[in-house]
């Protein structure tokens, strides 16, 4: 997991241990039954130690989701600057996020929390993804004609790519009998390539 703390107890940053414990609680109890006391117990730290890093359980859960989403992005190598390579990276990230038990647990067991980031406001991880993707799209607008991204504001293009991909991740379970994982990835790639092509 991505380290978000620089204090170290027992060989692992305390903030990382807290997030790992929160992930364990989400999987064991569901989002609604996660408590700060149980997170502290599983992390092997006191409640005041948790409070020094996070003011409350929702903040811990938001940090957990951000760390997991950004962590997936960090594990996927960029193998070029063209549109096809960029779309492949997005599709790969979507597949890995759909396989993440914690992210899927939040989507499926805490819809009210998920809806905040689907319909009300951009979360930290979404902002990070948009910024990273906008930079890559800008580069892909300047490559050879065959593999170029169309003209347009890179941040707007990135935001639309986020919406398309986020929708595919959220709804994958609902359409699984029609689009299995492989078919979903193929169709998502077609959708993104079609949207981004000149």
N, C-alpha and C. Protein backbone atom coordinates (compact mmCIF):
# COMPACT_ATOMS: atom_id res chain seq x y z
N UNK A 1 0.84 -1.18 0.00
CA UNK A 1 0.00 0.00 0.00
C UNK A 1 0.89 1.24 0.00
N UNK A 2 0.44 2.31 -0.63
CA UNK A 2 1.17 3.55 -0.70
C UNK A 2 1.31 4.13 0.70
N UNK A 3 2.52 4.52 1.07
CA UNK A 3 2.74 5.09 2.40
C UNK A 3 2.27 6.52 2.43
N UNK A 4 1.44 6.84 3.43
CA UNK A 4 1.01 8.22 3.59
C UNK A 4 1.46 8.77 4.94
N UNK A 5 2.30 8.03 5.63
CA UNK A 5 2.79 8.48 6.92
C UNK A 5 4.28 8.23 6.99
N UNK A 6 5.00 9.08 7.73
CA UNK A 6 6.43 8.87 7.82
C UNK A 6 6.86 8.43 9.22
N UNK A 7 5.89 8.24 10.10
CA UNK A 7 6.23 7.73 11.42
C UNK A 7 6.21 6.21 11.36
N UNK A 8 7.08 5.60 12.12
CA UNK A 8 7.27 4.17 11.97
C UNK A 8 7.17 3.49 13.33
N UNK A 9 6.28 2.51 13.41
CA UNK A 9 6.20 1.66 14.59
C UNK A 9 6.17 0.23 14.08
N UNK A 10 6.98 -0.61 14.65
CA UNK A 10 7.01 -2.03 14.31
C UNK A 10 7.30 -2.25 12.82
N UNK A 11 8.15 -1.39 12.22
CA UNK A 11 8.60 -1.64 10.86
C UNK A 11 7.69 -1.15 9.75
N UNK A 12 6.48 -0.73 10.02
CA UNK A 12 5.57 -0.24 8.99
C UNK A 12 4.98 1.09 9.45
N UNK A 13 4.90 2.08 8.56
CA UNK A 13 4.31 3.36 8.97
C UNK A 13 2.94 3.15 9.62
N UNK A 14 2.70 3.88 10.69
CA UNK A 14 1.45 3.72 11.45
C UNK A 14 0.24 4.01 10.57
N UNK A 15 0.31 5.05 9.74
CA UNK A 15 -0.84 5.38 8.89
C UNK A 15 -1.17 4.22 7.95
N UNK A 16 -0.15 3.54 7.45
CA UNK A 16 -0.40 2.39 6.57
C UNK A 16 -1.05 1.25 7.35
N UNK A 17 -0.59 1.03 8.58
CA UNK A 17 -1.20 -0.02 9.41
C UNK A 17 -2.66 0.31 9.69
N UNK A 18 -2.96 1.58 9.91
CA UNK A 18 -4.35 1.99 10.15
C UNK A 18 -5.20 1.73 8.91
N UNK A 19 -4.68 2.07 7.73
CA UNK A 19 -5.44 1.85 6.50
C UNK A 19 -5.61 0.36 6.22
N UNK A 20 -4.58 -0.43 6.48
CA UNK A 20 -4.70 -1.88 6.32
C UNK A 20 -5.77 -2.44 7.27
N UNK A 21 -5.77 -1.94 8.49
CA UNK A 21 -6.77 -2.38 9.46
C UNK A 21 -8.17 -1.96 9.02
N UNK A 22 -8.29 -0.76 8.47
CA UNK A 22 -9.60 -0.30 7.98
C UNK A 22 -10.07 -1.19 6.83
N UNK A 23 -9.17 -1.58 5.95
CA UNK A 23 -9.53 -2.48 4.84
C UNK A 23 -10.02 -3.81 5.39
N UNK A 24 -9.34 -4.32 6.40
CA UNK A 24 -9.75 -5.57 7.03
C UNK A 24 -11.14 -5.45 7.64
N UNK A 25 -11.42 -4.32 8.27
CA UNK A 25 -12.75 -4.10 8.86
C UNK A 25 -13.83 -4.01 7.80
N UNK A 26 -13.56 -3.32 6.70
CA UNK A 26 -14.54 -3.20 5.62
C UNK A 26 -14.91 -4.58 5.10
N UNK A 27 -13.90 -5.42 4.90
CA UNK A 27 -14.16 -6.77 4.37
C UNK A 27 -14.87 -7.65 5.39
N UNK A 28 -14.57 -7.45 6.67
CA UNK A 28 -15.17 -8.29 7.72
C UNK A 28 -16.59 -7.87 8.08
N UNK A 29 -16.84 -6.55 8.12
CA UNK A 29 -18.10 -6.07 8.67
C UNK A 29 -18.96 -5.26 7.70
N UNK A 30 -18.38 -4.80 6.61
CA UNK A 30 -19.07 -3.85 5.75
C UNK A 30 -18.79 -2.44 6.24
N UNK A 31 -18.93 -1.47 5.36
CA UNK A 31 -18.55 -0.09 5.66
C UNK A 31 -19.32 0.47 6.85
N UNK A 32 -20.60 0.22 6.92
CA UNK A 32 -21.44 0.83 7.96
C UNK A 32 -21.08 0.40 9.38
N UNK A 33 -20.43 -0.74 9.52
CA UNK A 33 -20.12 -1.23 10.87
C UNK A 33 -18.65 -1.06 11.25
N UNK A 34 -17.91 -0.34 10.43
CA UNK A 34 -16.51 -0.07 10.75
C UNK A 34 -16.46 0.99 11.85
N UNK A 35 -15.69 0.71 12.90
CA UNK A 35 -15.53 1.68 13.98
C UNK A 35 -14.06 2.03 14.15
N UNK A 36 -13.83 3.21 14.65
CA UNK A 36 -12.47 3.64 14.89
C UNK A 36 -11.80 2.75 15.94
N UNK A 37 -12.55 2.32 16.94
CA UNK A 37 -12.00 1.45 17.98
C UNK A 37 -11.51 0.13 17.39
N UNK A 38 -12.31 -0.45 16.48
CA UNK A 38 -11.90 -1.72 15.88
C UNK A 38 -10.71 -1.53 14.94
N UNK A 39 -10.68 -0.40 14.23
CA UNK A 39 -9.52 -0.12 13.38
C UNK A 39 -8.26 -0.03 14.24
N UNK A 40 -8.35 0.69 15.35
CA UNK A 40 -7.20 0.82 16.24
C UNK A 40 -6.76 -0.54 16.77
N UNK A 41 -7.73 -1.36 17.19
CA UNK A 41 -7.40 -2.69 17.71
C UNK A 41 -6.67 -3.52 16.66
N UNK A 42 -7.20 -3.54 15.44
CA UNK A 42 -6.58 -4.35 14.38
C UNK A 42 -5.22 -3.80 13.95
N UNK A 43 -5.05 -2.49 14.06
CA UNK A 43 -3.76 -1.89 13.70
C UNK A 43 -2.73 -2.04 14.82
N UNK A 44 -3.20 -2.41 16.01
CA UNK A 44 -2.29 -2.56 17.14
C UNK A 44 -1.83 -1.23 17.71
N UNK A 45 -2.71 -0.23 17.63
CA UNK A 45 -2.38 1.10 18.16
C UNK A 45 -3.54 1.59 19.02
N UNK A 46 -3.29 2.65 19.76
CA UNK A 46 -4.35 3.21 20.60
C UNK A 46 -5.27 4.11 19.75
N UNK A 47 -6.46 4.38 20.28
CA UNK A 47 -7.36 5.30 19.59
C UNK A 47 -6.76 6.70 19.46
N UNK A 48 -6.09 7.23 20.50
CA UNK A 48 -5.46 8.54 20.32
C UNK A 48 -4.43 8.55 19.19
N UNK A 49 -3.73 7.42 19.00
CA UNK A 49 -2.78 7.33 17.89
C UNK A 49 -3.50 7.47 16.55
N UNK A 50 -4.65 6.83 16.44
CA UNK A 50 -5.44 6.96 15.21
C UNK A 50 -5.91 8.40 15.06
N UNK A 51 -6.44 9.00 16.14
CA UNK A 51 -6.96 10.36 16.07
C UNK A 51 -5.89 11.39 15.71
N UNK A 52 -4.63 11.10 16.04
CA UNK A 52 -3.56 12.03 15.67
C UNK A 52 -3.35 12.06 14.15
N UNK A 53 -3.78 11.02 13.47
CA UNK A 53 -3.59 10.94 12.01
C UNK A 53 -4.87 11.17 11.22
N UNK A 54 -5.99 10.76 11.79
CA UNK A 54 -7.28 10.86 11.11
C UNK A 54 -8.33 11.32 12.11
N UNK A 55 -9.15 12.33 11.77
CA UNK A 55 -10.11 12.84 12.74
C UNK A 55 -11.30 11.93 13.01
N UNK A 56 -11.62 11.05 12.03
CA UNK A 56 -12.79 10.20 12.22
C UNK A 56 -12.76 9.03 11.22
N UNK A 57 -13.72 8.13 11.38
CA UNK A 57 -13.77 6.94 10.52
C UNK A 57 -14.01 7.28 9.05
N UNK A 58 -14.93 8.20 8.71
CA UNK A 58 -15.10 8.53 7.29
C UNK A 58 -13.82 9.04 6.63
N UNK A 59 -13.01 9.78 7.37
CA UNK A 59 -11.75 10.26 6.82
C UNK A 59 -10.80 9.10 6.57
N UNK A 60 -10.79 8.13 7.47
CA UNK A 60 -9.96 6.94 7.27
C UNK A 60 -10.42 6.19 6.02
N UNK A 61 -11.73 6.03 5.86
CA UNK A 61 -12.25 5.30 4.70
C UNK A 61 -11.94 6.03 3.40
N UNK A 62 -12.04 7.36 3.41
CA UNK A 62 -11.70 8.14 2.22
C UNK A 62 -10.22 7.98 1.88
N UNK A 63 -9.37 8.02 2.90
CA UNK A 63 -7.93 7.84 2.68
C UNK A 63 -7.63 6.43 2.17
N UNK A 64 -8.36 5.45 2.69
CA UNK A 64 -8.18 4.07 2.24
C UNK A 64 -8.51 3.94 0.76
N UNK A 65 -9.65 4.48 0.34
CA UNK A 65 -10.03 4.40 -1.07
C UNK A 65 -9.03 5.12 -1.95
N UNK A 66 -8.59 6.29 -1.52
CA UNK A 66 -7.59 7.04 -2.30
C UNK A 66 -6.31 6.23 -2.45
N UNK A 67 -5.83 5.66 -1.36
CA UNK A 67 -4.59 4.88 -1.41
C UNK A 67 -4.72 3.68 -2.33
N UNK A 68 -5.86 3.01 -2.29
CA UNK A 68 -6.03 1.82 -3.13
C UNK A 68 -6.15 2.19 -4.60
N UNK A 69 -6.89 3.24 -4.90
CA UNK A 69 -7.08 3.64 -6.29
C UNK A 69 -5.77 4.17 -6.88
N UNK A 70 -5.10 5.04 -6.16
CA UNK A 70 -3.82 5.57 -6.64
C UNK A 70 -2.78 4.46 -6.69
N UNK A 71 -2.85 3.54 -5.74
CA UNK A 71 -1.93 2.41 -5.75
C UNK A 71 -2.05 1.57 -7.01
N UNK A 72 -3.26 1.37 -7.49
CA UNK A 72 -3.47 0.63 -8.74
C UNK A 72 -2.83 1.38 -9.89
N UNK A 73 -3.06 2.67 -9.96
CA UNK A 73 -2.48 3.48 -11.03
C UNK A 73 -0.96 3.38 -11.02
N UNK A 74 -0.37 3.42 -9.84
CA UNK A 74 1.08 3.37 -9.72
C UNK A 74 1.68 2.04 -10.16
N UNK A 75 0.90 0.97 -10.18
CA UNK A 75 1.44 -0.34 -10.55
C UNK A 75 1.42 -0.60 -12.05
N UNK A 76 0.80 0.28 -12.82
CA UNK A 76 0.66 0.05 -14.26
C UNK A 76 1.68 0.91 -15.00
N UNK A 77 2.61 0.24 -15.66
CA UNK A 77 3.65 0.96 -16.39
C UNK A 77 3.09 1.66 -17.61
N UNK A 78 3.64 2.81 -17.89
CA UNK A 78 3.33 3.50 -19.13
C UNK A 78 4.32 3.02 -20.18
N UNK A 79 3.80 2.46 -21.28
CA UNK A 79 4.68 1.89 -22.30
C UNK A 79 4.70 2.73 -23.58
N UNK A 80 4.39 4.00 -23.45
CA UNK A 80 4.40 4.86 -24.62
C UNK A 80 3.47 6.04 -24.39
N UNK A 81 3.40 6.91 -25.39
CA UNK A 81 2.60 8.12 -25.23
C UNK A 81 1.43 8.21 -26.18
N UNK A 82 1.21 7.21 -27.01
CA UNK A 82 0.12 7.26 -27.96
C UNK A 82 -1.23 6.90 -27.36
N UNK A 83 -2.28 7.13 -28.14
CA UNK A 83 -3.66 6.88 -27.70
C UNK A 83 -3.90 5.42 -27.35
N UNK A 84 -3.45 4.51 -28.20
CA UNK A 84 -3.72 3.08 -27.98
C UNK A 84 -3.09 2.60 -26.67
N UNK A 85 -1.86 3.01 -26.44
CA UNK A 85 -1.17 2.63 -25.20
C UNK A 85 -1.87 3.23 -23.98
N UNK A 86 -2.29 4.48 -24.11
CA UNK A 86 -2.97 5.15 -23.00
C UNK A 86 -4.30 4.47 -22.69
N UNK A 87 -5.07 4.15 -23.72
CA UNK A 87 -6.34 3.47 -23.52
C UNK A 87 -6.11 2.11 -22.86
N UNK A 88 -5.08 1.40 -23.30
CA UNK A 88 -4.77 0.10 -22.70
C UNK A 88 -4.48 0.25 -21.20
N UNK A 89 -3.78 1.31 -20.84
CA UNK A 89 -3.47 1.56 -19.43
C UNK A 89 -4.74 1.83 -18.63
N UNK A 90 -5.65 2.61 -19.20
CA UNK A 90 -6.92 2.91 -18.52
C UNK A 90 -7.73 1.64 -18.33
N UNK A 91 -7.82 0.83 -19.38
CA UNK A 91 -8.59 -0.41 -19.32
C UNK A 91 -7.98 -1.38 -18.30
N UNK A 92 -6.66 -1.45 -18.28
CA UNK A 92 -5.99 -2.31 -17.30
C UNK A 92 -6.29 -1.84 -15.88
N UNK A 93 -6.22 -0.52 -15.66
CA UNK A 93 -6.54 0.03 -14.33
C UNK A 93 -7.98 -0.30 -13.94
N UNK A 94 -8.90 -0.17 -14.89
CA UNK A 94 -10.31 -0.47 -14.60
C UNK A 94 -10.47 -1.93 -14.19
N UNK A 95 -9.80 -2.82 -14.90
CA UNK A 95 -9.88 -4.24 -14.56
C UNK A 95 -9.34 -4.53 -13.16
N UNK A 96 -8.23 -3.91 -12.82
CA UNK A 96 -7.65 -4.12 -11.48
C UNK A 96 -8.54 -3.54 -10.39
N UNK A 97 -9.14 -2.38 -10.65
CA UNK A 97 -10.05 -1.79 -9.66
C UNK A 97 -11.28 -2.67 -9.47
N UNK A 98 -11.77 -3.29 -10.54
CA UNK A 98 -12.92 -4.18 -10.42
C UNK A 98 -12.57 -5.44 -9.63
N UNK A 99 -11.30 -5.76 -9.55
CA UNK A 99 -10.85 -6.93 -8.78
C UNK A 99 -10.50 -6.59 -7.34
N UNK A 100 -10.49 -5.31 -7.00
CA UNK A 100 -10.13 -4.89 -5.65
C UNK A 100 -11.31 -5.12 -4.71
N UNK A 101 -11.12 -6.00 -3.75
CA UNK A 101 -12.22 -6.38 -2.85
C UNK A 101 -12.74 -5.20 -2.02
N UNK A 102 -11.86 -4.34 -1.59
CA UNK A 102 -12.28 -3.22 -0.74
C UNK A 102 -13.10 -2.22 -1.55
N UNK A 103 -12.61 -1.87 -2.72
CA UNK A 103 -13.34 -0.91 -3.56
C UNK A 103 -14.71 -1.47 -3.93
N UNK A 104 -14.76 -2.74 -4.30
CA UNK A 104 -16.04 -3.34 -4.66
C UNK A 104 -16.96 -3.45 -3.44
N UNK A 105 -16.39 -3.70 -2.26
CA UNK A 105 -17.21 -3.75 -1.05
C UNK A 105 -17.86 -2.39 -0.78
N UNK A 106 -17.11 -1.33 -0.99
CA UNK A 106 -17.68 0.01 -0.80
C UNK A 106 -18.78 0.26 -1.82
N UNK A 107 -18.53 -0.07 -3.08
CA UNK A 107 -19.54 0.15 -4.12
C UNK A 107 -20.82 -0.62 -3.85
N UNK A 108 -20.68 -1.86 -3.39
CA UNK A 108 -21.84 -2.73 -3.27
C UNK A 108 -22.49 -2.76 -1.89
N UNK A 109 -21.75 -2.37 -0.85
CA UNK A 109 -22.35 -2.42 0.48
C UNK A 109 -22.56 -1.04 1.11
N UNK A 110 -22.01 -0.01 0.48
CA UNK A 110 -22.19 1.35 1.01
C UNK A 110 -22.53 2.30 -0.13
N UNK A 111 -23.67 2.07 -0.77
CA UNK A 111 -24.00 2.89 -1.93
C UNK A 111 -24.10 4.38 -1.62
N UNK A 112 -24.50 4.72 -0.38
CA UNK A 112 -24.60 6.15 -0.05
C UNK A 112 -23.22 6.81 -0.04
N UNK A 113 -22.20 6.08 0.40
CA UNK A 113 -20.84 6.61 0.36
C UNK A 113 -20.35 6.69 -1.08
N UNK A 114 -20.59 5.63 -1.84
CA UNK A 114 -20.17 5.62 -3.24
C UNK A 114 -20.84 6.74 -4.02
N UNK A 115 -22.12 7.00 -3.73
CA UNK A 115 -22.86 8.02 -4.47
C UNK A 115 -22.28 9.42 -4.29
N UNK A 116 -21.64 9.67 -3.16
CA UNK A 116 -21.00 10.97 -2.95
C UNK A 116 -20.00 11.22 -4.08
N UNK A 117 -19.22 10.17 -4.43
CA UNK A 117 -18.17 10.32 -5.44
C UNK A 117 -18.66 10.01 -6.85
N UNK A 118 -19.88 9.54 -6.97
CA UNK A 118 -20.46 9.27 -8.28
C UNK A 118 -21.28 10.46 -8.75
N UNK A 119 -22.02 11.09 -7.83
CA UNK A 119 -22.99 12.09 -8.24
C UNK A 119 -22.81 13.47 -7.62
N UNK A 120 -22.05 13.58 -6.51
CA UNK A 120 -22.03 14.86 -5.81
C UNK A 120 -20.74 15.65 -5.95
N UNK A 121 -19.60 14.99 -5.80
CA UNK A 121 -18.34 15.72 -5.87
C UNK A 121 -17.21 14.78 -6.25
N UNK A 122 -16.15 15.39 -6.78
CA UNK A 122 -14.95 14.62 -7.10
C UNK A 122 -14.16 14.37 -5.82
N UNK A 123 -13.74 13.14 -5.64
CA UNK A 123 -12.90 12.81 -4.51
C UNK A 123 -11.43 13.05 -4.85
N UNK A 124 -10.58 12.91 -3.85
CA UNK A 124 -9.14 13.12 -4.04
C UNK A 124 -8.59 12.20 -5.11
N UNK A 125 -8.96 10.92 -5.05
CA UNK A 125 -8.42 9.98 -6.04
C UNK A 125 -8.90 10.32 -7.44
N UNK A 126 -10.14 10.78 -7.58
CA UNK A 126 -10.64 11.17 -8.90
C UNK A 126 -9.86 12.37 -9.43
N UNK A 127 -9.58 13.34 -8.56
CA UNK A 127 -8.79 14.50 -8.97
C UNK A 127 -7.38 14.07 -9.41
N UNK A 128 -6.79 13.16 -8.66
CA UNK A 128 -5.46 12.67 -9.00
C UNK A 128 -5.50 11.97 -10.35
N UNK A 129 -6.51 11.13 -10.57
CA UNK A 129 -6.63 10.42 -11.85
C UNK A 129 -6.83 11.39 -13.01
N UNK A 130 -7.67 12.39 -12.83
CA UNK A 130 -7.91 13.37 -13.89
C UNK A 130 -6.61 14.11 -14.21
N UNK A 131 -5.89 14.55 -13.19
CA UNK A 131 -4.64 15.28 -13.42
C UNK A 131 -3.62 14.41 -14.15
N UNK A 132 -3.46 13.16 -13.70
CA UNK A 132 -2.49 12.26 -14.34
C UNK A 132 -2.89 11.97 -15.78
N UNK A 133 -4.16 11.71 -16.00
CA UNK A 133 -4.65 11.39 -17.34
C UNK A 133 -4.55 12.61 -18.26
N UNK A 134 -4.84 13.80 -17.75
CA UNK A 134 -4.75 15.01 -18.58
C UNK A 134 -3.32 15.19 -19.08
N UNK A 135 -2.34 14.96 -18.23
CA UNK A 135 -0.94 15.06 -18.65
C UNK A 135 -0.61 14.08 -19.75
N UNK A 136 -1.10 12.84 -19.61
CA UNK A 136 -0.85 11.82 -20.62
C UNK A 136 -1.57 12.13 -21.93
N UNK A 137 -2.79 12.65 -21.82
CA UNK A 137 -3.55 13.01 -23.02
C UNK A 137 -2.87 14.15 -23.78
N UNK A 138 -2.33 15.12 -23.05
CA UNK A 138 -1.60 16.22 -23.69
C UNK A 138 -0.44 15.68 -24.51
N UNK A 139 0.31 14.75 -23.94
CA UNK A 139 1.42 14.14 -24.67
C UNK A 139 0.91 13.38 -25.90
N UNK A 140 -0.20 12.68 -25.75
CA UNK A 140 -0.74 11.87 -26.84
C UNK A 140 -1.36 12.73 -27.94
N UNK A 141 -1.62 13.99 -27.67
CA UNK A 141 -2.11 14.89 -28.72
C UNK A 141 -0.99 15.30 -29.68
N UNK A 142 0.24 15.06 -29.28
CA UNK A 142 1.39 15.50 -30.07
C UNK A 142 2.16 14.36 -30.74
N UNK A 143 1.61 13.14 -30.75
CA UNK A 143 2.32 12.02 -31.37
C UNK A 143 1.89 11.86 -32.82
N UNK A 144 2.37 10.79 -33.47
CA UNK A 144 2.08 10.56 -34.88
C UNK A 144 0.58 10.50 -35.15
N UNK A 145 0.19 10.83 -36.35
CA UNK A 145 -1.22 10.95 -36.72
C UNK A 145 -2.02 9.69 -36.39
N UNK A 146 -1.47 8.52 -36.66
CA UNK A 146 -2.21 7.27 -36.48
C UNK A 146 -2.56 6.97 -35.03
N UNK A 147 -1.78 7.48 -34.10
CA UNK A 147 -1.96 7.12 -32.69
C UNK A 147 -2.23 8.36 -31.83
N UNK A 148 -2.66 9.41 -32.45
CA UNK A 148 -2.86 10.69 -31.76
C UNK A 148 -4.21 10.73 -31.04
N UNK A 149 -4.26 11.53 -29.99
CA UNK A 149 -5.52 11.88 -29.34
C UNK A 149 -6.01 13.16 -30.00
N UNK A 150 -7.31 13.25 -30.19
CA UNK A 150 -7.89 14.41 -30.86
C UNK A 150 -7.63 15.70 -30.10
N UNK A 151 -7.80 16.80 -30.80
CA UNK A 151 -7.63 18.11 -30.17
C UNK A 151 -8.73 18.32 -29.12
N UNK A 152 -8.43 19.14 -28.15
CA UNK A 152 -9.39 19.45 -27.10
C UNK A 152 -8.66 19.69 -25.80
N UNK A 153 -9.36 20.26 -24.85
CA UNK A 153 -8.79 20.52 -23.54
C UNK A 153 -8.49 19.19 -22.86
N UNK A 154 -7.21 18.90 -22.57
CA UNK A 154 -6.86 17.60 -21.98
C UNK A 154 -7.59 17.29 -20.68
N UNK A 155 -7.83 18.32 -19.87
CA UNK A 155 -8.53 18.08 -18.59
C UNK A 155 -9.98 17.70 -18.83
N UNK A 156 -10.64 18.31 -19.82
CA UNK A 156 -12.00 17.93 -20.15
C UNK A 156 -12.05 16.52 -20.72
N UNK A 157 -11.12 16.20 -21.60
CA UNK A 157 -11.06 14.84 -22.16
C UNK A 157 -10.82 13.82 -21.04
N UNK A 158 -9.91 14.14 -20.13
CA UNK A 158 -9.61 13.23 -19.02
C UNK A 158 -10.82 13.01 -18.14
N UNK A 159 -11.57 14.07 -17.89
CA UNK A 159 -12.76 13.97 -17.05
C UNK A 159 -13.80 13.06 -17.70
N UNK A 160 -13.98 13.20 -19.01
CA UNK A 160 -14.94 12.34 -19.71
C UNK A 160 -14.47 10.89 -19.70
N UNK A 161 -13.18 10.67 -19.87
CA UNK A 161 -12.64 9.30 -19.80
C UNK A 161 -12.88 8.71 -18.41
N UNK A 162 -12.72 9.53 -17.37
CA UNK A 162 -13.01 9.07 -16.00
C UNK A 162 -14.47 8.65 -15.88
N UNK A 163 -15.39 9.48 -16.41
CA UNK A 163 -16.81 9.15 -16.31
C UNK A 163 -17.14 7.85 -17.04
N UNK A 164 -16.60 7.67 -18.22
CA UNK A 164 -16.85 6.45 -19.00
C UNK A 164 -16.32 5.24 -18.25
N UNK A 165 -15.10 5.34 -17.78
CA UNK A 165 -14.45 4.20 -17.11
C UNK A 165 -15.10 3.91 -15.77
N UNK A 166 -15.40 4.96 -15.01
CA UNK A 166 -16.05 4.79 -13.71
C UNK A 166 -17.40 4.09 -13.88
N UNK A 167 -18.14 4.46 -14.90
CA UNK A 167 -19.42 3.82 -15.17
C UNK A 167 -19.25 2.33 -15.47
N UNK A 168 -18.23 2.00 -16.25
CA UNK A 168 -17.97 0.60 -16.57
C UNK A 168 -17.62 -0.20 -15.31
N UNK A 169 -16.85 0.40 -14.42
CA UNK A 169 -16.48 -0.28 -13.18
C UNK A 169 -17.71 -0.48 -12.29
N UNK A 170 -18.48 0.59 -12.12
CA UNK A 170 -19.66 0.54 -11.24
C UNK A 170 -20.70 -0.47 -11.71
N UNK A 171 -20.89 -0.56 -13.01
CA UNK A 171 -22.00 -1.35 -13.54
C UNK A 171 -21.58 -2.73 -14.04
N UNK A 172 -20.33 -3.07 -13.91
CA UNK A 172 -19.83 -4.34 -14.45
C UNK A 172 -20.61 -5.54 -13.92
N UNK A 173 -20.89 -5.56 -12.63
CA UNK A 173 -21.60 -6.70 -12.04
C UNK A 173 -23.00 -6.83 -12.63
N UNK A 174 -23.66 -5.70 -12.87
CA UNK A 174 -25.02 -5.69 -13.38
C UNK A 174 -25.12 -6.30 -14.78
N UNK A 175 -24.09 -6.12 -15.60
CA UNK A 175 -24.13 -6.59 -17.00
C UNK A 175 -23.23 -7.80 -17.25
N UNK A 176 -22.80 -8.44 -16.18
CA UNK A 176 -21.83 -9.53 -16.31
C UNK A 176 -22.33 -10.67 -17.20
N UNK A 177 -23.63 -10.94 -17.21
CA UNK A 177 -24.14 -12.03 -18.05
C UNK A 177 -24.07 -11.68 -19.53
N UNK A 178 -23.95 -10.39 -19.84
CA UNK A 178 -23.83 -9.95 -21.24
C UNK A 178 -22.38 -9.64 -21.58
N UNK A 179 -21.71 -8.94 -20.68
CA UNK A 179 -20.31 -8.55 -20.88
C UNK A 179 -19.46 -9.13 -19.75
N UNK A 180 -18.82 -10.26 -20.02
CA UNK A 180 -17.91 -10.79 -19.00
C UNK A 180 -16.69 -9.87 -18.94
N UNK A 181 -15.74 -10.18 -18.09
CA UNK A 181 -14.59 -9.29 -17.87
C UNK A 181 -13.84 -8.98 -19.15
N UNK A 182 -13.61 -10.01 -19.95
CA UNK A 182 -12.86 -9.81 -21.19
C UNK A 182 -13.65 -8.95 -22.18
N UNK A 183 -14.93 -9.25 -22.33
CA UNK A 183 -15.76 -8.47 -23.25
C UNK A 183 -15.91 -7.03 -22.78
N UNK A 184 -16.05 -6.84 -21.48
CA UNK A 184 -16.16 -5.49 -20.94
C UNK A 184 -14.89 -4.69 -21.24
N UNK A 185 -13.74 -5.31 -21.05
CA UNK A 185 -12.47 -4.64 -21.33
C UNK A 185 -12.37 -4.28 -22.81
N UNK A 186 -12.77 -5.20 -23.67
CA UNK A 186 -12.73 -4.94 -25.11
C UNK A 186 -13.63 -3.78 -25.49
N UNK A 187 -14.85 -3.79 -24.98
CA UNK A 187 -15.81 -2.73 -25.33
C UNK A 187 -15.42 -1.39 -24.71
N UNK A 188 -14.85 -1.42 -23.51
CA UNK A 188 -14.38 -0.18 -22.89
C UNK A 188 -13.25 0.42 -23.73
N UNK A 189 -12.34 -0.43 -24.20
CA UNK A 189 -11.26 0.06 -25.07
C UNK A 189 -11.82 0.67 -26.35
N UNK A 190 -12.81 0.02 -26.97
CA UNK A 190 -13.45 0.58 -28.17
C UNK A 190 -14.07 1.95 -27.87
N UNK A 191 -14.78 2.03 -26.74
CA UNK A 191 -15.44 3.29 -26.38
C UNK A 191 -14.42 4.41 -26.18
N UNK A 192 -13.36 4.13 -25.44
CA UNK A 192 -12.36 5.16 -25.17
C UNK A 192 -11.57 5.53 -26.43
N UNK A 193 -11.20 4.53 -27.23
CA UNK A 193 -10.49 4.83 -28.49
C UNK A 193 -11.37 5.65 -29.42
N UNK A 194 -12.65 5.29 -29.51
CA UNK A 194 -13.55 6.05 -30.36
C UNK A 194 -13.71 7.47 -29.88
N UNK A 195 -13.80 7.66 -28.59
CA UNK A 195 -13.96 8.99 -28.02
C UNK A 195 -12.71 9.84 -28.24
N UNK A 196 -11.54 9.24 -28.11
CA UNK A 196 -10.29 10.00 -28.15
C UNK A 196 -9.68 10.13 -29.55
N UNK A 197 -10.13 9.33 -30.49
CA UNK A 197 -9.54 9.36 -31.83
C UNK A 197 -9.83 10.69 -32.53
N UNK A 198 -8.88 11.16 -33.36
CA UNK A 198 -9.12 12.41 -34.11
C UNK A 198 -10.31 12.27 -35.07
